[in-house]
């Protein structure tokens, strides 16, 4: 009973995180802010869903696949987000006008001196 309740709670919490990540994709102004919202929310949301599945299924082959999925998401998602953000910056995709500073561009200027 408790295992099912905890597993379903984690799944619903993960779905809520995924929803807020999608909402960030729709609402935020530029690619960099959208990428940040999608990466953080969807990473934790998907991990929450998979952890809930692991709790529900237990130490079965399916449960271990869910744990392996969590590890893969935690390793691949930040790397993919960094690569996408760097490619966006190198191709001069503009920041939103309300951006205060561009630290990556400042670092590039400092390294060229």
PDB file of N, CA and C in Angstrom:
ATOM      1  N   UNK A   1       0.819  -1.204   0.000  1.00  0.00           N
ATOM      2  CA  UNK A   1       0.000   0.000   0.000  1.00  0.00           C
ATOM      3  C   UNK A   1       0.861   1.266   0.000  1.00  0.00           C
ATOM      4  N   UNK A   2       1.843   1.300   0.882  1.00  0.00           N
ATOM      5  CA  UNK A   2       2.697   2.491   0.958  1.00  0.00           C
ATOM      6  C   UNK A   2       3.566   2.588  -0.292  1.00  0.00           C
ATOM      7  N   UNK A   3       4.035   1.450  -0.771  1.00  0.00           N
ATOM      8  CA  UNK A   3       4.875   1.446  -1.968  1.00  0.00           C
ATOM      9  C   UNK A   3       4.111   1.998  -3.163  1.00  0.00           C
ATOM     10  N   UNK A   4       2.865   1.591  -3.321  1.00  0.00           N
ATOM     11  CA  UNK A   4       2.057   2.100  -4.437  1.00  0.00           C
ATOM     12  C   UNK A   4       1.781   3.592  -4.289  1.00  0.00           C
ATOM     13  N   UNK A   5       1.499   4.027  -3.072  1.00  0.00           N
ATOM     14  CA  UNK A   5       1.233   5.448  -2.831  1.00  0.00           C
ATOM     15  C   UNK A   5       2.475   6.287  -3.108  1.00  0.00           C
ATOM     16  N   UNK A   6       3.619   5.844  -2.613  1.00  0.00           N
ATOM     17  CA  UNK A   6       4.862   6.583  -2.842  1.00  0.00           C
ATOM     18  C   UNK A   6       5.231   6.589  -4.321  1.00  0.00           C
ATOM     19  N   UNK A   7       5.102   5.444  -4.983  1.00  0.00           N
ATOM     20  CA  UNK A   7       5.422   5.363  -6.408  1.00  0.00           C
ATOM     21  C   UNK A   7       4.530   6.267  -7.249  1.00  0.00           C
ATOM     22  N   UNK A   8       3.227   6.225  -6.984  1.00  0.00           N
ATOM     23  CA  UNK A   8       2.305   7.069  -7.752  1.00  0.00           C
ATOM     24  C   UNK A   8       2.527   8.554  -7.437  1.00  0.00           C
ATOM     25  N   UNK A   9       2.870   8.867  -6.183  1.00  0.00           N
ATOM     26  CA  UNK A   9       3.155  10.269  -5.827  1.00  0.00           C
ATOM     27  C   UNK A   9       4.363  10.791  -6.604  1.00  0.00           C
ATOM     28  N   UNK A  10       5.403   9.977  -6.699  1.00  0.00           N
ATOM     29  CA  UNK A  10       6.587  10.391  -7.460  1.00  0.00           C
ATOM     30  C   UNK A  10       6.268  10.525  -8.947  1.00  0.00           C
ATOM     31  N   UNK A  11       5.440   9.647  -9.461  1.00  0.00           N
ATOM     32  CA  UNK A  11       5.056   9.746 -10.871  1.00  0.00           C
ATOM     33  C   UNK A  11       4.272  11.033 -11.113  1.00  0.00           C
ATOM     34  N   UNK A  12       3.321  11.345 -10.244  1.00  0.00           N
ATOM     35  CA  UNK A  12       2.550  12.580 -10.422  1.00  0.00           C
ATOM     36  C   UNK A  12       3.419  13.821 -10.227  1.00  0.00           C
ATOM     37  N   UNK A  13       4.358  13.773  -9.288  1.00  0.00           N
ATOM     38  CA  UNK A  13       5.287  14.891  -9.107  1.00  0.00           C
ATOM     39  C   UNK A  13       6.159  15.065 -10.344  1.00  0.00           C
ATOM     40  N   UNK A  14       6.604  13.959 -10.922  1.00  0.00           N
ATOM     41  CA  UNK A  14       7.394  14.021 -12.151  1.00  0.00           C
ATOM     42  C   UNK A  14       6.598  14.591 -13.308  1.00  0.00           C
ATOM     43  N   UNK A  15       5.338  14.208 -13.410  1.00  0.00           N
ATOM     44  CA  UNK A  15       4.476  14.752 -14.464  1.00  0.00           C
ATOM     45  C   UNK A  15       4.288  16.251 -14.267  1.00  0.00           C
ATOM     46  N   UNK A  16       4.166  16.690 -13.007  1.00  0.00           N
ATOM     47  CA  UNK A  16       4.034  18.130 -12.741  1.00  0.00           C
ATOM     48  C   UNK A  16       5.298  18.874 -13.169  1.00  0.00           C
ATOM     49  N   UNK A  17       6.477  18.322 -12.867  1.00  0.00           N
ATOM     50  CA  UNK A  17       7.726  18.942 -13.311  1.00  0.00           C
ATOM     51  C   UNK A  17       7.792  19.004 -14.837  1.00  0.00           C
ATOM     52  N   UNK A  18       7.400  17.922 -15.482  1.00  0.00           N
ATOM     53  CA  UNK A  18       7.383  17.914 -16.952  1.00  0.00           C
ATOM     54  C   UNK A  18       6.435  18.987 -17.488  1.00  0.00           C
ATOM     55  N   UNK A  19       5.284  19.138 -16.851  1.00  0.00           N
ATOM     56  CA  UNK A  19       4.328  20.158 -17.284  1.00  0.00           C
ATOM     57  C   UNK A  19       4.937  21.553 -17.163  1.00  0.00           C
ATOM     58  N   UNK A  20       5.605  21.830 -16.042  1.00  0.00           N
ATOM     59  CA  UNK A  20       6.211  23.161 -15.884  1.00  0.00           C
ATOM     60  C   UNK A  20       7.360  23.385 -16.862  1.00  0.00           C
ATOM     61  N   UNK A  21       8.064  22.329 -17.227  1.00  0.00           N
ATOM     62  CA  UNK A  21       9.091  22.455 -18.256  1.00  0.00           C
ATOM     63  C   UNK A  21       8.503  22.817 -19.601  1.00  0.00           C
ATOM     64  N   UNK A  22       7.392  22.188 -19.947  1.00  0.00           N
ATOM     65  CA  UNK A  22       6.713  22.508 -21.205  1.00  0.00           C
ATOM     66  C   UNK A  22       6.150  23.923 -21.152  1.00  0.00           C
ATOM     67  N   UNK A  23       5.618  24.307 -20.012  1.00  0.00           N
ATOM     68  CA  UNK A  23       5.111  25.674 -19.852  1.00  0.00           C
ATOM     69  C   UNK A  23       6.242  26.695 -20.031  1.00  0.00           C
ATOM     70  N   UNK A  24       7.431  26.367 -19.522  1.00  0.00           N
ATOM     71  CA  UNK A  24       8.589  27.241 -19.713  1.00  0.00           C
ATOM     72  C   UNK A  24       8.985  27.343 -21.171  1.00  0.00           C
ATOM     73  N   UNK A  25       8.857  26.245 -21.918  1.00  0.00           N
ATOM     74  CA  UNK A  25       9.157  26.291 -23.350  1.00  0.00           C
ATOM     75  C   UNK A  25       8.223  27.243 -24.080  1.00  0.00           C
ATOM     76  N   UNK A  26       6.997  27.302 -23.652  1.00  0.00           N
ATOM     77  CA  UNK A  26       6.005  28.140 -24.321  1.00  0.00           C
ATOM     78  C   UNK A  26       6.120  29.597 -23.881  1.00  0.00           C
ATOM     79  N   UNK A  27       6.384  29.825 -22.603  1.00  0.00           N
ATOM     80  CA  UNK A  27       6.286  31.166 -22.050  1.00  0.00           C
ATOM     81  C   UNK A  27       7.577  31.994 -22.068  1.00  0.00           C
ATOM     82  N   UNK A  28       8.717  31.370 -22.019  1.00  0.00           N
ATOM     83  CA  UNK A  28       9.959  32.135 -21.876  1.00  0.00           C
ATOM     84  C   UNK A  28      10.395  32.760 -23.200  1.00  0.00           C
ATOM     85  N   UNK A  29      11.149  33.871 -23.136  1.00  0.00           N
ATOM     86  CA  UNK A  29      11.340  34.707 -24.324  1.00  0.00           C
ATOM     87  C   UNK A  29      12.378  34.241 -25.348  1.00  0.00           C
ATOM     88  N   UNK A  30      13.460  33.603 -24.926  1.00  0.00           N
ATOM     89  CA  UNK A  30      14.481  33.257 -25.919  1.00  0.00           C
ATOM     90  C   UNK A  30      14.955  31.820 -25.722  1.00  0.00           C
ATOM     91  N   UNK A  31      15.807  31.385 -26.644  1.00  0.00           N
ATOM     92  CA  UNK A  31      16.224  29.981 -26.668  1.00  0.00           C
ATOM     93  C   UNK A  31      17.001  29.604 -25.410  1.00  0.00           C
ATOM     94  N   UNK A  32      17.743  30.510 -24.835  1.00  0.00           N
ATOM     95  CA  UNK A  32      18.563  30.204 -23.671  1.00  0.00           C
ATOM     96  C   UNK A  32      17.698  29.993 -22.432  1.00  0.00           C
ATOM     97  N   UNK A  33      16.718  30.844 -22.220  1.00  0.00           N
ATOM     98  CA  UNK A  33      15.804  30.669 -21.095  1.00  0.00           C
ATOM     99  C   UNK A  33      14.943  29.427 -21.278  1.00  0.00           C
ATOM    100  N   UNK A  34      14.511  29.188 -22.488  1.00  0.00           N
ATOM    101  CA  UNK A  34      13.704  27.996 -22.753  1.00  0.00           C
ATOM    102  C   UNK A  34      14.509  26.732 -22.509  1.00  0.00           C
ATOM    103  N   UNK A  35      15.753  26.763 -22.899  1.00  0.00           N
ATOM    104  CA  UNK A  35      16.625  25.607 -22.711  1.00  0.00           C
ATOM    105  C   UNK A  35      16.835  25.325 -21.231  1.00  0.00           C
ATOM    106  N   UNK A  36      16.994  26.365 -20.444  1.00  0.00           N
ATOM    107  CA  UNK A  36      17.180  26.195 -19.008  1.00  0.00           C
ATOM    108  C   UNK A  36      15.932  25.583 -18.382  1.00  0.00           C
ATOM    109  N   UNK A  37      14.773  26.085 -18.746  1.00  0.00           N
ATOM    110  CA  UNK A  37      13.526  25.551 -18.184  1.00  0.00           C
ATOM    111  C   UNK A  37      13.317  24.103 -18.594  1.00  0.00           C
ATOM    112  N   UNK A  38      13.554  23.826 -19.847  1.00  0.00           N
ATOM    113  CA  UNK A  38      13.337  22.468 -20.334  1.00  0.00           C
ATOM    114  C   UNK A  38      14.319  21.493 -19.703  1.00  0.00           C
ATOM    115  N   UNK A  39      15.566  21.890 -19.596  1.00  0.00           N
ATOM    116  CA  UNK A  39      16.582  20.969 -19.081  1.00  0.00           C
ATOM    117  C   UNK A  39      16.322  20.621 -17.624  1.00  0.00           C
ATOM    118  N   UNK A  40      16.146  21.624 -16.793  1.00  0.00           N
ATOM    119  CA  UNK A  40      15.982  21.346 -15.369  1.00  0.00           C
ATOM    120  C   UNK A  40      14.671  20.645 -15.061  1.00  0.00           C
ATOM    121  N   UNK A  41      13.583  21.183 -15.567  1.00  0.00           N
ATOM    122  CA  UNK A  41      12.276  20.608 -15.232  1.00  0.00           C
ATOM    123  C   UNK A  41      12.084  19.225 -15.830  1.00  0.00           C
ATOM    124  N   UNK A  42      12.441  19.070 -17.067  1.00  0.00           N
ATOM    125  CA  UNK A  42      12.210  17.779 -17.712  1.00  0.00           C
ATOM    126  C   UNK A  42      13.184  16.724 -17.175  1.00  0.00           C
ATOM    127  N   UNK A  43      14.387  17.118 -16.806  1.00  0.00           N
ATOM    128  CA  UNK A  43      15.316  16.162 -16.201  1.00  0.00           C
ATOM    129  C   UNK A  43      14.750  15.629 -14.894  1.00  0.00           C
ATOM    130  N   UNK A  44      14.358  16.531 -14.006  1.00  0.00           N
ATOM    131  CA  UNK A  44      13.820  16.081 -12.723  1.00  0.00           C
ATOM    132  C   UNK A  44      12.448  15.437 -12.877  1.00  0.00           C
ATOM    133  N   UNK A  45      11.657  15.898 -13.828  1.00  0.00           N
ATOM    134  CA  UNK A  45      10.356  15.292 -14.057  1.00  0.00           C
ATOM    135  C   UNK A  45      10.469  13.872 -14.558  1.00  0.00           C
ATOM    136  N   UNK A  46      11.298  13.666 -15.541  1.00  0.00           N
ATOM    137  CA  UNK A  46      11.469  12.318 -16.090  1.00  0.00           C
ATOM    138  C   UNK A  46      12.121  11.393 -15.065  1.00  0.00           C
ATOM    139  N   UNK A  47      13.060  11.923 -14.300  1.00  0.00           N
ATOM    140  CA  UNK A  47      13.680  11.114 -13.248  1.00  0.00           C
ATOM    141  C   UNK A  47      12.657  10.757 -12.177  1.00  0.00           C
ATOM    142  N   UNK A  48      11.771  11.669 -11.856  1.00  0.00           N
ATOM    143  CA  UNK A  48      10.723  11.380 -10.879  1.00  0.00           C
ATOM    144  C   UNK A  48       9.779  10.300 -11.359  1.00  0.00           C
ATOM    145  N   UNK A  49       9.398  10.375 -12.621  1.00  0.00           N
ATOM    146  CA  UNK A  49       8.525   9.344 -13.188  1.00  0.00           C
ATOM    147  C   UNK A  49       9.230   7.989 -13.156  1.00  0.00           C
ATOM    148  N   UNK A  50      10.480   7.960 -13.575  1.00  0.00           N
ATOM    149  CA  UNK A  50      11.218   6.696 -13.600  1.00  0.00           C
ATOM    150  C   UNK A  50      11.479   6.152 -12.190  1.00  0.00           C
ATOM    151  N   UNK A  51      11.715   7.036 -11.234  1.00  0.00           N
ATOM    152  CA  UNK A  51      11.900   6.582  -9.857  1.00  0.00           C
ATOM    153  C   UNK A  51      10.597   6.015  -9.303  1.00  0.00           C
ATOM    154  N   UNK A  52       9.485   6.644  -9.644  1.00  0.00           N
ATOM    155  CA  UNK A  52       8.193   6.105  -9.245  1.00  0.00           C
ATOM    156  C   UNK A  52       7.935   4.747  -9.856  1.00  0.00           C
ATOM    157  N   UNK A  53       8.312   4.571 -11.103  1.00  0.00           N
ATOM    158  CA  UNK A  53       8.170   3.272 -11.758  1.00  0.00           C
ATOM    159  C   UNK A  53       9.045   2.235 -11.060  1.00  0.00           C
ATOM    160  N   UNK A  54      10.271   2.638 -10.694  1.00  0.00           N
ATOM    161  CA  UNK A  54      11.148   1.699  -9.991  1.00  0.00           C
ATOM    162  C   UNK A  54      10.542   1.283  -8.655  1.00  0.00           C
ATOM    163  N   UNK A  55       9.983   2.240  -7.922  1.00  0.00           N
ATOM    164  CA  UNK A  55       9.375   1.910  -6.635  1.00  0.00           C
ATOM    165  C   UNK A  55       8.179   0.975  -6.829  1.00  0.00           C
ATOM    166  N   UNK A  56       7.405   1.212  -7.870  1.00  0.00           N
ATOM    167  CA  UNK A  56       6.247   0.343  -8.127  1.00  0.00           C
ATOM    168  C   UNK A  56       6.669  -1.061  -8.564  1.00  0.00           C
ATOM    169  N   UNK A  57       7.655  -1.160  -9.417  1.00  0.00           N
ATOM    170  CA  UNK A  57       8.052  -2.457  -9.971  1.00  0.00           C
ATOM    171  C   UNK A  57       9.049  -3.198  -9.094  1.00  0.00           C
ATOM    172  N   UNK A  58       9.811  -2.474  -8.279  1.00  0.00           N
ATOM    173  CA  UNK A  58      10.772  -3.122  -7.396  1.00  0.00           C
ATOM    174  C   UNK A  58      12.031  -3.550  -8.130  1.00  0.00           C
ATOM    175  N   UNK A  59      12.715  -4.508  -7.530  1.00  0.00           N
ATOM    176  CA  UNK A  59      13.992  -4.981  -8.060  1.00  0.00           C
ATOM    177  C   UNK A  59      13.773  -6.066  -9.120  1.00  0.00           C
ATOM    178  N   UNK A  60      13.084  -5.669 -10.174  1.00  0.00           N
ATOM    179  CA  UNK A  60      12.849  -6.552 -11.314  1.00  0.00           C
ATOM    180  C   UNK A  60      13.676  -6.027 -12.484  1.00  0.00           C
ATOM    181  N   UNK A  61      13.764  -6.776 -13.560  1.00  0.00           N
ATOM    182  CA  UNK A  61      14.472  -6.234 -14.732  1.00  0.00           C
ATOM    183  C   UNK A  61      13.883  -4.905 -15.213  1.00  0.00           C
ATOM    184  N   UNK A  62      12.569  -4.771 -15.126  1.00  0.00           N
ATOM    185  CA  UNK A  62      11.939  -3.506 -15.535  1.00  0.00           C
ATOM    186  C   UNK A  62      12.336  -2.368 -14.596  1.00  0.00           C
ATOM    187  N   UNK A  63      12.416  -2.649 -13.296  1.00  0.00           N
ATOM    188  CA  UNK A  63      12.833  -1.632 -12.328  1.00  0.00           C
ATOM    189  C   UNK A  63      14.268  -1.198 -12.541  1.00  0.00           C
ATOM    190  N   UNK A  64      15.136  -2.155 -12.852  1.00  0.00           N
ATOM    191  CA  UNK A  64      16.531  -1.795 -13.105  1.00  0.00           C
ATOM    192  C   UNK A  64      16.674  -0.974 -14.392  1.00  0.00           C
ATOM    193  N   UNK A  65      15.829  -1.239 -15.360  1.00  0.00           N
ATOM    194  CA  UNK A  65      15.844  -0.417 -16.581  1.00  0.00           C
ATOM    195  C   UNK A  65      15.424   1.008 -16.275  1.00  0.00           C
ATOM    196  N   UNK A  66      14.482   1.175 -15.355  1.00  0.00           N
ATOM    197  CA  UNK A  66      14.079   2.525 -14.945  1.00  0.00           C
ATOM    198  C   UNK A  66      15.237   3.245 -14.259  1.00  0.00           C
ATOM    199  N   UNK A  67      15.966   2.553 -13.392  1.00  0.00           N
ATOM    200  CA  UNK A  67      17.140   3.160 -12.747  1.00  0.00           C
ATOM    201  C   UNK A  67      18.212   3.517 -13.767  1.00  0.00           C
ATOM    202  N   UNK A  68      18.415   2.653 -14.729  1.00  0.00           N
ATOM    203  CA  UNK A  68      19.387   2.932 -15.783  1.00  0.00           C
ATOM    204  C   UNK A  68      18.960   4.151 -16.600  1.00  0.00           C
ATOM    205  N   UNK A  69      17.666   4.297 -16.818  1.00  0.00           N
ATOM    206  CA  UNK A  69      17.147   5.476 -17.513  1.00  0.00           C
ATOM    207  C   UNK A  69      17.410   6.752 -16.737  1.00  0.00           C
ATOM    208  N   UNK A  70      17.277   6.690 -15.404  1.00  0.00           N
ATOM    209  CA  UNK A  70      17.560   7.867 -14.573  1.00  0.00           C
ATOM    210  C   UNK A  70      19.025   8.271 -14.711  1.00  0.00           C
ATOM    211  N   UNK A  71      19.916   7.309 -14.638  1.00  0.00           N
ATOM    212  CA  UNK A  71      21.352   7.599 -14.772  1.00  0.00           C
ATOM    213  C   UNK A  71      21.636   8.215 -16.138  1.00  0.00           C
ATOM    214  N   UNK A  72      21.062   7.645 -17.180  1.00  0.00           N
ATOM    215  CA  UNK A  72      21.285   8.170 -18.529  1.00  0.00           C
ATOM    216  C   UNK A  72      20.774   9.603 -18.656  1.00  0.00           C
ATOM    217  N   UNK A  73      19.591   9.883 -18.109  1.00  0.00           N
ATOM    218  CA  UNK A  73      19.033  11.238 -18.189  1.00  0.00           C
ATOM    219  C   UNK A  73      19.914  12.230 -17.436  1.00  0.00           C
ATOM    220  N   UNK A  74      20.384  11.853 -16.242  1.00  0.00           N
ATOM    221  CA  UNK A  74      21.223  12.771 -15.469  1.00  0.00           C
ATOM    222  C   UNK A  74      22.577  13.015 -16.130  1.00  0.00           C
ATOM    223  N   UNK A  75      23.058  12.061 -16.907  1.00  0.00           N
ATOM    224  CA  UNK A  75      24.329  12.270 -17.606  1.00  0.00           C
ATOM    225  C   UNK A  75      24.145  12.994 -18.939  1.00  0.00           C
ATOM    226  N   UNK A  76      23.130  12.648 -19.686  1.00  0.00           N
ATOM    227  CA  UNK A  76      22.988  13.156 -21.050  1.00  0.00           C
ATOM    228  C   UNK A  76      22.318  14.525 -21.127  1.00  0.00           C
ATOM    229  N   UNK A  77      21.377  14.798 -20.267  1.00  0.00           N
ATOM    230  CA  UNK A  77      20.609  16.039 -20.378  1.00  0.00           C
ATOM    231  C   UNK A  77      21.459  17.304 -20.188  1.00  0.00           C
ATOM    232  N   UNK A  78      22.296  17.402 -19.156  1.00  0.00           N
ATOM    233  CA  UNK A  78      23.126  18.607 -19.033  1.00  0.00           C
ATOM    234  C   UNK A  78      24.118  18.777 -20.183  1.00  0.00           C
ATOM    235  N   UNK A  79      24.672  17.673 -20.650  1.00  0.00           N
ATOM    236  CA  UNK A  79      25.624  17.753 -21.766  1.00  0.00           C
ATOM    237  C   UNK A  79      24.922  18.234 -23.026  1.00  0.00           C
ATOM    238  N   UNK A  80      23.756  17.689 -23.303  1.00  0.00           N
ATOM    239  CA  UNK A  80      23.004  18.107 -24.484  1.00  0.00           C
ATOM    240  C   UNK A  80      22.598  19.572 -24.390  1.00  0.00           C
ATOM    241  N   UNK A  81      22.176  20.003 -23.206  1.00  0.00           N
ATOM    242  CA  UNK A  81      21.792  21.406 -23.030  1.00  0.00           C
ATOM    243  C   UNK A  81      22.983  22.335 -23.254  1.00  0.00           C
ATOM    244  N   UNK A  82      24.145  21.940 -22.762  1.00  0.00           N
ATOM    245  CA  UNK A  82      25.331  22.767 -22.959  1.00  0.00           C
ATOM    246  C   UNK A  82      25.696  22.861 -24.435  1.00  0.00           C
ATOM    247  N   UNK A  83      25.630  21.752 -25.135  1.00  0.00           N
ATOM    248  CA  UNK A  83      25.970  21.748 -26.559  1.00  0.00           C
ATOM    249  C   UNK A  83      24.986  22.613 -27.348  1.00  0.00           C
ATOM    250  N   UNK A  84      23.712  22.508 -27.042  1.00  0.00           N
ATOM    251  CA  UNK A  84      22.703  23.316 -27.747  1.00  0.00           C
ATOM    252  C   UNK A  84      22.895  24.795 -27.452  1.00  0.00           C
ATOM    253  N   UNK A  85      23.147  25.145 -26.185  1.00  0.00           N
ATOM    254  CA  UNK A  85      23.349  26.552 -25.831  1.00  0.00           C
ATOM    255  C   UNK A  85      24.605  27.117 -26.481  1.00  0.00           C
ATOM    256  N   UNK A  86      25.654  26.328 -26.502  1.00  0.00           N
ATOM    257  CA  UNK A  86      26.892  26.807 -27.130  1.00  0.00           C
ATOM    258  C   UNK A  86      26.716  26.987 -28.637  1.00  0.00           C
ATOM    259  N   UNK A  87      26.023  26.048 -29.276  1.00  0.00           N
ATOM    260  CA  UNK A  87      25.765  26.182 -30.709  1.00  0.00           C
ATOM    261  C   UNK A  87      24.884  27.388 -30.996  1.00  0.00           C
ATOM    262  N   UNK A  88      23.906  27.638 -30.148  1.00  0.00           N
ATOM    263  CA  UNK A  88      23.044  28.804 -30.333  1.00  0.00           C
ATOM    264  C   UNK A  88      23.849  30.091 -30.192  1.00  0.00           C
ATOM    265  N   UNK A  89      24.758  30.121 -29.232  1.00  0.00           N
ATOM    266  CA  UNK A  89      25.561  31.336 -29.030  1.00  0.00           C
ATOM    267  C   UNK A  89      26.557  31.530 -30.175  1.00  0.00           C
ATOM    268  N   UNK A  90      27.152  30.458 -30.642  1.00  0.00           N
ATOM    269  CA  UNK A  90      28.126  30.573 -31.743  1.00  0.00           C
ATOM    270  C   UNK A  90      27.476  30.985 -33.056  1.00  0.00           C
ATOM    271  N   UNK A  91      26.209  30.644 -33.247  1.00  0.00           N
ATOM    272  CA  UNK A  91      25.507  31.050 -34.468  1.00  0.00           C
ATOM    273  C   UNK A  91      24.799  32.384 -34.300  1.00  0.00           C
ATOM    274  N   UNK A  92      25.130  33.082 -33.217  1.00  0.00           N
ATOM    275  CA  UNK A  92      24.643  34.442 -32.945  1.00  0.00           C
ATOM    276  C   UNK A  92      23.126  34.538 -32.840  1.00  0.00           C
ATOM    277  N   UNK A  93      22.520  33.552 -32.222  1.00  0.00           N
ATOM    278  CA  UNK A  93      21.096  33.675 -31.913  1.00  0.00           C
ATOM    279  C   UNK A  93      20.987  34.704 -30.796  1.00  0.00           C
ATOM    280  N   UNK A  94      20.191  35.749 -30.987  1.00  0.00           N
ATOM    281  CA  UNK A  94      20.213  36.865 -30.034  1.00  0.00           C
ATOM    282  C   UNK A  94      19.578  36.511 -28.695  1.00  0.00           C
ATOM    283  N   UNK A  95      20.092  37.169 -27.677  1.00  0.00           N
ATOM    284  CA  UNK A  95      19.481  37.088 -26.355  1.00  0.00           C
ATOM    285  C   UNK A  95      18.253  37.983 -26.329  1.00  0.00           C
ATOM    286  N   UNK A  96      17.406  37.783 -25.353  1.00  0.00           N
ATOM    287  CA  UNK A  96      16.258  38.657 -25.203  1.00  0.00           C
ATOM    288  C   UNK A  96      16.737  40.063 -24.824  1.00  0.00           C
ATOM    289  N   UNK A  97      16.045  41.115 -25.230  1.00  0.00           N
ATOM    290  CA  UNK A  97      16.497  42.476 -24.905  1.00  0.00           C
ATOM    291  C   UNK A  97      16.598  42.759 -23.403  1.00  0.00           C
ATOM    292  N   UNK A  98      15.883  42.009 -22.589  1.00  0.00           N
ATOM    293  CA  UNK A  98      15.943  42.249 -21.145  1.00  0.00           C
ATOM    294  C   UNK A  98      17.115  41.535 -20.470  1.00  0.00           C
ATOM    295  N   UNK A  99      17.973  40.867 -21.249  1.00  0.00           N
ATOM    296  CA  UNK A  99      19.147  40.200 -20.677  1.00  0.00           C
ATOM    297  C   UNK A  99      20.126  41.244 -20.178  1.00  0.00           C
ATOM    298  N   UNK A 100      20.613  41.056 -18.973  1.00  0.00           N
ATOM    299  CA  UNK A 100      21.494  42.034 -18.346  1.00  0.00           C
ATOM    300  C   UNK A 100      22.929  41.873 -18.824  1.00  0.00           C
ATOM    301  N   UNK A 101      23.434  40.639 -18.878  1.00  0.00           N
ATOM    302  CA  UNK A 101      24.821  40.419 -19.262  1.00  0.00           C
ATOM    303  C   UNK A 101      24.954  39.120 -20.050  1.00  0.00           C
ATOM    304  N   UNK A 102      25.964  39.065 -20.876  1.00  0.00           N
ATOM    305  CA  UNK A 102      26.288  37.863 -21.624  1.00  0.00           C
ATOM    306  C   UNK A 102      27.683  37.432 -21.183  1.00  0.00           C
ATOM    307  N   UNK A 103      27.746  36.598 -20.185  1.00  0.00           N
ATOM    308  CA  UNK A 103      29.035  36.229 -19.606  1.00  0.00           C
ATOM    309  C   UNK A 103      29.884  35.408 -20.565  1.00  0.00           C
ATOM    310  N   UNK A 104      29.276  34.634 -21.423  1.00  0.00           N
ATOM    311  CA  UNK A 104      30.057  33.847 -22.374  1.00  0.00           C
ATOM    312  C   UNK A 104      30.782  34.773 -23.348  1.00  0.00           C
ATOM    313  N   UNK A 105      30.099  35.792 -23.831  1.00  0.00           N
ATOM    314  CA  UNK A 105      30.743  36.752 -24.733  1.00  0.00           C
ATOM    315  C   UNK A 105      31.826  37.530 -24.003  1.00  0.00           C
ATOM    316  N   UNK A 106      31.588  37.887 -22.737  1.00  0.00           N
ATOM    317  CA  UNK A 106      32.600  38.582 -21.951  1.00  0.00           C
ATOM    318  C   UNK A 106      33.843  37.714 -21.769  1.00  0.00           C
ATOM    319  N   UNK A 107      33.656  36.424 -21.537  1.00  0.00           N
ATOM    320  CA  UNK A 107      34.789  35.514 -21.396  1.00  0.00           C
ATOM    321  C   UNK A 107      35.551  35.396 -22.715  1.00  0.00           C
ATOM    322  N   UNK A 108      34.849  35.376 -23.824  1.00  0.00           N
ATOM    323  CA  UNK A 108      35.503  35.282 -25.132  1.00  0.00           C
ATOM    324  C   UNK A 108      36.369  36.524 -25.392  1.00  0.00           C
ATOM    325  N   UNK A 109      35.875  37.686 -25.016  1.00  0.00           N
ATOM    326  CA  UNK A 109      36.652  38.926 -25.191  1.00  0.00           C
ATOM    327  C   UNK A 109      37.894  38.915 -24.308  1.00  0.00           C
ATOM    328  N   UNK A 110      37.761  38.401 -23.095  1.00  0.00           N
ATOM    329  CA  UNK A 110      38.892  38.351 -22.177  1.00  0.00           C
ATOM    330  C   UNK A 110      39.970  37.402 -22.660  1.00  0.00           C
ATOM    331  N   UNK A 111      39.576  36.266 -23.250  1.00  0.00           N
ATOM    332  CA  UNK A 111      40.544  35.295 -23.729  1.00  0.00           C
ATOM    333  C   UNK A 111      41.286  35.789 -24.958  1.00  0.00           C
ATOM    334  N   UNK A 112      40.688  36.664 -25.759  1.00  0.00           N
ATOM    335  CA  UNK A 112      41.328  37.153 -26.979  1.00  0.00           C
ATOM    336  C   UNK A 112      42.391  38.206 -26.673  1.00  0.00           C
ATOM    337  N   UNK A 113      42.351  38.815 -25.507  1.00  0.00           N
ATOM    338  CA  UNK A 113      43.324  39.860 -25.175  1.00  0.00           C
ATOM    339  C   UNK A 113      44.674  39.315 -24.868  1.00  0.00           C
TER     340      UNK A 113
END
